[in-house]
Amino acid sequence: MIEDRHVTLAHGNGGRHMRELIETIFVRHLANPALDVQLDAAPLTLDHALVPFITTDAFTVQPLEFPGGDIGSLAVNGTVNDLAVSGAVPQFLTLNAIIEEGLEVALLDRVVKNLAKAAAAAGVSIVAGDTKVVPRGQGGGLYLVTTGVGLRDSACALGLGAVRDGDAILVSGPVGDHGIAVMLAREAFELKGDVRSDCASVLPFTVPLAGLVGVRFMRDPTRGGIATVVHEIARATGLDIRLDEAEVPVRDAVRSVCEILGYDPYYLACEGRVVAVVAPEIADDVLALWRVLPDGEHAGRIGTLEAGRGRVVLQTVIGGARLLEELEDDPLPRIC
């Protein structure tokens, strides 16, 4: 049992306090047959008929808790989603926690509890991890670093090399929710709102598509939003991308905050959305699959690829067009 209400440097010294922190919080919430805190390395059992995929990520969001999620659920879902949009089914995660001296133990407990819930919902096991405590003032309260392993069918051919002229671009739901939810939670602009982060696993959206003929490419639009994803596609293919402003789903509350503060929702992070490039003849079928899912009712066909010079053009609601430039500055740092 942890007697302290706040994390101290002793919780990172390798002794009794560290053991109690790990056992009382991490093991209590994350315990599963694959997690053995006595091991320095964990064995993995993989299906050799499938292709293993690995990804790694770090999470530094501020504040640590925000409407719709926290750094714990964000760390799991962010890692799971990177595997999911690659066509892989996540299997295992590792977790590294860098804790700042002075962090409330109760807050750490809530974060790890929500992290465990997100892992269970995604069907992944936490199989290894580490904790470090850094002196007060040398961290942001809590940083989490994760590595994920997933398995993909060897027949899956998702990739930018599969994208073709005439393909359709789809998004699985409204954009910008996470970025605005975190920004409002900081209370830096004295604005109030009921926007919640879309932080969630995208597996329900990706699993039905991974083996579908005509699905070319998928990506989760995190930092830099959908604008960064479409620029990545345009650079890799040399094709122009024409986005239809009227078809890009943005919640009214998100749009209002963006108008007040001068943000563009296309550049704001999402944490539970999928951008997919598909053959035009299956676009309606994919949207039909998505729209019956929770959080998928606003999925839309937002753009088209066409011959050009790798530009991104936004067709505006008033009938004009403008170039959507690549992101230069970071509008909202520490967002994920």
Protein backbone atom coordinates (compact mmCIF):
# COMPACT_ATOMS: atom_id res chain seq x y z
CA MET A 1 0.00 0.00 0.00
CA ILE A 2 1.26 3.51 -0.87
CA GLU A 3 1.24 5.77 2.18
CA ASP A 4 2.26 8.96 0.35
CA ARG A 5 -0.34 11.12 -1.40
CA HIS A 6 2.24 12.31 -3.94
CA VAL A 7 4.96 10.53 -5.88
CA THR A 8 8.45 11.08 -4.44
CA LEU A 9 11.90 10.37 -5.81
CA ALA A 10 11.97 7.29 -3.57
CA HIS A 11 9.26 5.79 -5.79
CA GLY A 12 11.85 5.54 -8.54
CA ASN A 13 14.86 4.25 -6.60
CA GLY A 14 14.35 0.55 -7.27
CA GLY A 15 13.52 -0.26 -3.64
CA ARG A 16 10.44 -0.84 -1.51
CA HIS A 17 8.64 2.37 -2.45
CA MET A 18 9.06 1.65 -6.16
CA ARG A 19 7.83 -1.91 -5.70
CA GLU A 20 4.79 -0.66 -3.81
CA LEU A 21 4.02 1.90 -6.54
CA ILE A 22 4.21 -0.77 -9.25
CA GLU A 23 2.22 -3.35 -7.32
CA THR A 24 -0.41 -0.99 -5.92
CA ILE A 25 -1.18 0.89 -9.13
CA PHE A 26 0.28 -0.66 -12.26
CA VAL A 27 -0.03 -4.37 -11.48
CA ARG A 28 -3.42 -3.90 -9.81
CA HIS A 29 -4.91 -2.36 -12.94
CA LEU A 30 -2.87 -4.03 -15.67
CA ALA A 31 -2.50 -7.59 -14.34
CA ASN A 32 -2.86 -10.30 -16.98
CA PRO A 33 -1.26 -13.72 -17.57
CA ALA A 34 1.32 -12.20 -19.93
CA LEU A 35 2.56 -9.58 -17.43
CA ASP A 36 5.34 -10.77 -15.12
CA VAL A 37 7.03 -7.91 -13.29
CA GLN A 38 9.91 -10.20 -12.30
CA LEU A 39 11.09 -10.59 -15.92
CA ASP A 40 13.48 -8.28 -17.76
CA ALA A 41 12.03 -9.42 -21.10
CA ALA A 42 8.67 -10.94 -22.00
CA PRO A 43 8.14 -13.82 -24.45
CA LEU A 44 5.54 -13.29 -27.19
CA THR A 45 3.55 -15.99 -28.96
CA LEU A 46 2.84 -14.95 -32.56
CA ASP A 47 0.95 -16.61 -35.39
CA HIS A 48 3.65 -17.20 -38.01
CA ALA A 49 1.06 -17.20 -40.79
CA LEU A 50 0.61 -13.48 -40.16
CA VAL A 51 2.98 -10.54 -40.57
CA PRO A 52 4.03 -8.84 -37.30
CA PHE A 53 3.84 -5.05 -37.18
CA ILE A 54 5.43 -2.87 -34.50
CA THR A 55 4.94 0.79 -33.60
CA THR A 56 6.12 3.06 -30.80
CA ASP A 57 4.90 6.41 -29.52
CA ALA A 58 5.25 8.91 -26.67
CA PHE A 59 2.49 10.94 -25.02
CA THR A 60 2.93 14.30 -23.29
CA VAL A 61 -0.57 15.82 -23.33
CA GLN A 62 -1.47 18.69 -21.01
CA PRO A 63 -3.67 18.61 -19.02
CA LEU A 64 -3.31 14.96 -18.11
CA GLU A 65 -7.10 14.60 -17.88
CA PHE A 66 -9.50 16.16 -20.37
CA PRO A 67 -13.15 15.69 -21.40
CA GLY A 68 -13.43 12.34 -23.15
CA GLY A 69 -10.14 10.86 -21.98
CA ASP A 70 -6.80 11.20 -20.27
CA ILE A 71 -3.15 10.48 -21.00
CA GLY A 72 -3.69 6.81 -20.15
CA SER A 73 -6.53 6.10 -22.58
CA LEU A 74 -4.78 8.32 -25.12
CA ALA A 75 -1.56 6.28 -24.91
CA VAL A 76 -3.33 2.98 -25.52
CA ASN A 77 -5.67 4.21 -28.23
CA GLY A 78 -2.95 6.17 -30.01
CA THR A 79 -0.73 3.09 -30.24
CA VAL A 80 -3.57 0.71 -31.09
CA ASN A 81 -4.76 3.06 -33.83
CA ASP A 82 -1.34 3.26 -35.50
CA LEU A 83 -1.44 -0.53 -35.85
CA ALA A 84 -5.10 -0.59 -36.85
CA VAL A 85 -4.76 1.82 -39.79
CA SER A 86 -1.85 -0.30 -41.04
CA GLY A 87 -4.26 -3.20 -41.33
CA ALA A 88 -2.88 -5.00 -38.27
CA VAL A 89 -4.81 -6.32 -35.30
CA PRO A 90 -3.05 -5.18 -32.09
CA GLN A 91 -1.91 -7.93 -29.72
CA PHE A 92 0.60 -6.60 -27.19
CA LEU A 93 1.72 -3.31 -25.66
CA THR A 94 4.63 -2.23 -23.52
CA LEU A 95 4.30 0.76 -21.22
CA ASN A 96 6.94 3.14 -19.86
CA ALA A 97 5.88 5.76 -17.33
CA ILE A 98 8.08 8.78 -16.61
CA ILE A 99 6.57 10.32 -13.46
CA GLU A 100 7.42 13.74 -12.08
CA GLU A 101 8.05 14.03 -8.36
CA GLY A 102 4.97 15.51 -6.72
CA LEU A 103 2.35 13.93 -8.98
CA GLU A 104 -0.75 13.00 -6.99
CA VAL A 105 -0.93 9.25 -6.44
CA ALA A 106 -4.73 9.41 -6.86
CA LEU A 107 -4.31 11.01 -10.30
CA LEU A 108 -1.80 8.35 -11.33
CA ASP A 109 -4.21 5.66 -10.16
CA ARG A 110 -7.05 7.12 -12.27
CA VAL A 111 -4.84 7.33 -15.34
CA VAL A 112 -3.60 3.75 -15.07
CA LYS A 113 -7.15 2.52 -14.42
CA ASN A 114 -8.38 4.19 -17.62
CA LEU A 115 -5.35 2.92 -19.49
CA ALA A 116 -6.27 -0.62 -18.43
CA LYS A 117 -9.88 -0.11 -19.53
CA ALA A 118 -8.77 1.12 -22.95
CA ALA A 119 -6.43 -1.87 -23.36
CA ALA A 120 -9.19 -4.31 -22.43
CA ALA A 121 -11.61 -2.66 -24.85
CA ALA A 122 -9.04 -2.96 -27.67
CA GLY A 123 -8.22 -6.57 -26.79
CA VAL A 124 -4.53 -5.95 -26.13
CA SER A 125 -2.33 -7.12 -23.25
CA ILE A 126 0.27 -5.01 -21.46
CA VAL A 127 3.21 -7.44 -21.38
CA ALA A 128 6.15 -5.34 -20.16
CA GLY A 129 6.96 -1.91 -18.84
CA ASP A 130 9.12 0.36 -16.74
CA THR A 131 8.73 3.34 -14.41
CA LYS A 132 11.07 6.25 -13.76
CA VAL A 133 10.65 9.20 -11.41
CA VAL A 134 12.27 12.52 -12.33
CA PRO A 135 12.82 15.48 -9.98
CA ARG A 136 10.14 18.13 -9.60
CA GLY A 137 10.27 20.64 -12.43
CA GLN A 138 11.92 18.24 -14.89
CA GLY A 139 8.73 16.73 -16.32
CA GLY A 140 5.13 17.50 -17.19
CA GLY A 141 3.60 15.47 -14.39
CA LEU A 142 3.50 12.24 -16.37
CA TYR A 143 4.86 11.09 -19.71
CA LEU A 144 3.89 7.71 -21.17
CA VAL A 145 5.83 5.81 -23.83
CA THR A 146 4.28 2.78 -25.49
CA THR A 147 5.27 0.15 -28.02
CA GLY A 148 2.66 -1.96 -29.76
CA VAL A 149 2.84 -5.23 -31.68
CA GLY A 150 0.09 -6.37 -34.04
CA LEU A 151 -0.48 -8.97 -36.72
CA ARG A 152 -1.56 -8.38 -40.31
CA ASP A 153 -2.74 -10.81 -42.94
CA SER A 154 0.05 -11.31 -45.48
CA ALA A 155 -2.48 -10.74 -48.29
CA CYS A 156 -3.23 -7.21 -47.09
CA ALA A 157 -1.74 -4.67 -49.52
CA LEU A 158 -2.52 -1.36 -47.82
CA GLY A 159 -0.02 1.39 -48.61
CA LEU A 160 0.55 4.69 -50.35
CA GLY A 161 1.84 2.80 -53.38
CA ALA A 162 -1.66 1.45 -53.98
CA VAL A 163 -3.30 4.91 -54.29
CA ARG A 164 -4.64 5.75 -57.76
CA ASP A 165 -5.92 8.75 -59.72
CA GLY A 166 -9.67 9.03 -59.15
CA ASP A 167 -9.70 7.41 -55.72
CA ALA A 168 -12.03 8.77 -53.05
CA ILE A 169 -10.97 10.11 -49.64
CA LEU A 170 -13.20 9.28 -46.67
CA VAL A 171 -13.18 10.26 -43.00
CA SER A 172 -14.93 8.22 -40.31
CA GLY A 173 -16.31 11.13 -38.26
CA PRO A 174 -16.10 14.79 -37.24
CA VAL A 175 -12.62 16.31 -37.12
CA GLY A 176 -10.94 18.54 -34.56
CA ASP A 177 -12.75 17.25 -31.45
CA HIS A 178 -9.62 16.16 -29.59
CA GLY A 179 -7.67 19.33 -30.28
CA ILE A 180 -10.47 21.62 -29.12
CA ALA A 181 -11.36 19.47 -26.08
CA VAL A 182 -7.77 19.61 -24.81
CA MET A 183 -7.47 23.31 -25.56
CA LEU A 184 -10.68 24.11 -23.63
CA ALA A 185 -9.50 21.93 -20.73
CA ARG A 186 -6.43 24.16 -20.39
CA GLU A 187 -8.71 27.15 -19.68
CA ALA A 188 -6.11 29.39 -21.28
CA PHE A 189 -8.67 31.37 -23.28
CA GLU A 190 -11.44 31.61 -20.67
CA LEU A 191 -13.77 29.74 -23.00
CA LYS A 192 -16.24 27.06 -21.93
CA GLY A 193 -17.71 24.28 -24.01
CA ASP A 194 -18.96 20.72 -23.99
CA VAL A 195 -16.61 19.37 -26.66
CA ARG A 196 -15.28 15.93 -25.80
CA SER A 197 -12.20 14.29 -27.23
CA ASP A 198 -12.81 11.54 -29.78
CA CYS A 199 -10.12 9.46 -28.04
CA ALA A 200 -11.03 5.84 -28.86
CA SER A 201 -9.86 2.73 -30.67
CA VAL A 202 -10.54 2.81 -34.41
CA LEU A 203 -10.48 -0.99 -34.74
CA PRO A 204 -14.24 -1.15 -35.42
CA PHE A 205 -13.61 1.06 -38.47
CA THR A 206 -10.44 -0.60 -39.75
CA VAL A 207 -11.02 -4.32 -39.24
CA PRO A 208 -13.90 -4.54 -41.77
CA LEU A 209 -11.76 -2.67 -44.34
CA ALA A 210 -8.39 -4.40 -44.02
CA GLY A 211 -9.25 -7.24 -46.39
CA LEU A 212 -11.70 -5.36 -48.61
CA VAL A 213 -10.69 -5.12 -52.26
CA GLY A 214 -10.38 -1.46 -53.27
CA VAL A 215 -9.21 -0.11 -49.90
CA ARG A 216 -5.86 1.51 -50.70
CA PHE A 217 -4.61 3.32 -47.61
CA MET A 218 -5.63 4.31 -44.08
CA ARG A 219 -4.24 6.78 -41.57
CA ASP A 220 -5.34 8.22 -38.22
CA PRO A 221 -5.20 12.03 -38.36
CA THR A 222 -3.48 12.86 -35.07
CA ARG A 223 -0.99 15.76 -34.89
CA GLY A 224 -1.58 18.08 -37.82
CA GLY A 225 -5.08 16.75 -38.45
CA ILE A 226 -6.55 15.71 -41.78
CA ALA A 227 -4.58 18.44 -43.58
CA THR A 228 -1.29 16.72 -42.68
CA VAL A 229 -2.61 13.31 -43.78
CA VAL A 230 -3.73 14.53 -47.20
CA HIS A 231 -0.43 16.36 -47.71
CA GLU A 232 1.39 13.13 -46.94
CA ILE A 233 -0.69 11.36 -49.59
CA ALA A 234 -0.16 14.14 -52.14
CA ARG A 235 3.62 14.18 -51.64
CA ALA A 236 3.92 10.42 -51.92
CA THR A 237 1.76 10.05 -55.02
CA GLY A 238 2.31 13.33 -56.90
CA LEU A 239 -1.47 13.55 -57.31
CA ASP A 240 -3.58 16.57 -56.47
CA ILE A 241 -6.14 16.23 -53.72
CA ARG A 242 -9.39 18.16 -53.94
CA LEU A 243 -11.25 18.43 -50.64
CA ASP A 244 -14.89 19.49 -50.47
CA GLU A 245 -15.36 21.86 -47.53
CA ALA A 246 -19.10 21.19 -47.44
CA GLU A 247 -18.50 17.45 -46.91
CA VAL A 248 -15.84 17.60 -44.17
CA PRO A 249 -17.70 16.89 -40.90
CA VAL A 250 -16.96 19.46 -38.17
CA ARG A 251 -19.12 19.83 -35.07
CA ASP A 252 -20.74 23.24 -34.62
CA ALA A 253 -19.05 23.73 -31.23
CA VAL A 254 -15.63 22.97 -32.72
CA ARG A 255 -16.25 25.30 -35.63
CA SER A 256 -17.35 28.09 -33.28
CA VAL A 257 -14.21 27.87 -31.14
CA CYS A 258 -12.06 27.80 -34.27
CA GLU A 259 -13.74 30.92 -35.60
CA ILE A 260 -13.28 32.76 -32.30
CA LEU A 261 -9.59 31.86 -31.92
CA GLY A 262 -8.55 31.72 -35.58
CA TYR A 263 -7.86 27.97 -35.73
CA ASP A 264 -8.50 25.80 -38.76
CA PRO A 265 -10.22 22.49 -37.87
CA TYR A 266 -8.40 20.71 -40.70
CA TYR A 267 -5.11 21.05 -38.79
CA LEU A 268 -6.42 19.97 -35.38
CA ALA A 269 -5.66 16.56 -33.91
CA CYS A 270 -8.15 13.71 -33.88
CA GLU A 271 -7.63 10.61 -31.70
CA GLY A 272 -10.44 8.32 -32.86
CA ARG A 273 -10.87 8.95 -36.56
CA VAL A 274 -9.73 7.23 -39.75
CA VAL A 275 -8.89 8.80 -43.10
CA ALA A 276 -9.17 6.19 -45.84
CA VAL A 277 -8.38 6.23 -49.55
CA VAL A 278 -10.59 3.82 -51.46
CA ALA A 279 -11.51 3.01 -55.03
CA PRO A 280 -14.47 5.22 -56.03
CA GLU A 281 -16.75 2.28 -56.74
CA ILE A 282 -16.62 1.06 -53.11
CA ALA A 283 -16.78 4.46 -51.38
CA ASP A 284 -20.52 4.24 -50.69
CA ASP A 285 -20.16 0.68 -49.37
CA VAL A 286 -17.44 1.74 -46.93
CA LEU A 287 -19.50 4.69 -45.73
CA ALA A 288 -22.47 2.38 -45.21
CA LEU A 289 -20.30 0.10 -43.05
CA TRP A 290 -19.02 3.04 -41.01
CA ARG A 291 -22.30 4.90 -40.52
CA VAL A 292 -23.92 2.09 -38.56
CA LEU A 293 -21.06 2.09 -36.03
CA PRO A 294 -21.04 4.17 -32.82
CA ASP A 295 -19.39 7.53 -33.67
CA GLY A 296 -19.59 6.70 -37.38
CA GLU A 297 -22.91 8.32 -38.25
CA HIS A 298 -21.18 11.45 -39.61
CA ALA A 299 -18.64 9.60 -41.78
CA GLY A 300 -18.26 11.32 -45.12
CA ARG A 301 -16.65 11.35 -48.55
CA ILE A 302 -14.51 14.46 -48.28
CA GLY A 303 -12.31 14.48 -51.36
CA THR A 304 -10.88 13.01 -54.54
CA LEU A 305 -7.43 12.37 -55.98
CA GLU A 306 -6.71 13.60 -59.47
CA ALA A 307 -3.78 14.13 -61.80
CA GLY A 308 -1.71 17.16 -60.86
CA ARG A 309 1.43 18.32 -59.06
CA GLY A 310 0.89 17.11 -55.51
CA ARG A 311 -1.22 20.04 -54.34
CA VAL A 312 -4.09 20.09 -51.84
CA VAL A 313 -7.02 22.23 -52.98
CA LEU A 314 -10.02 23.04 -50.79
CA GLN A 315 -13.29 23.63 -52.64
CA THR A 316 -15.06 26.16 -50.42
CA VAL A 317 -18.77 26.24 -49.57
CA ILE A 318 -19.16 29.54 -51.45
CA GLY A 319 -17.93 28.01 -54.69
CA GLY A 320 -14.30 29.16 -54.66
CA ALA A 321 -11.09 27.23 -54.16
CA ARG A 322 -7.92 27.77 -52.16
CA LEU A 323 -4.71 25.90 -51.60
CA LEU A 324 -4.59 24.15 -48.23
CA GLU A 325 -0.98 24.68 -47.23
CA GLU A 326 1.10 22.24 -45.25
CA LEU A 327 1.21 22.93 -41.51
CA GLU A 328 4.10 25.20 -40.50
CA ASP A 329 3.61 26.16 -36.85
CA ASP A 330 2.24 24.02 -34.05
CA PRO A 331 -1.11 25.61 -33.17
CA LEU A 332 -1.63 23.51 -30.04
CA PRO A 333 1.53 22.01 -28.50
CA ARG A 334 1.40 19.12 -25.99
CA ILE A 335 -1.84 17.85 -27.57
CA CYS A 336 -1.00 14.13 -27.54
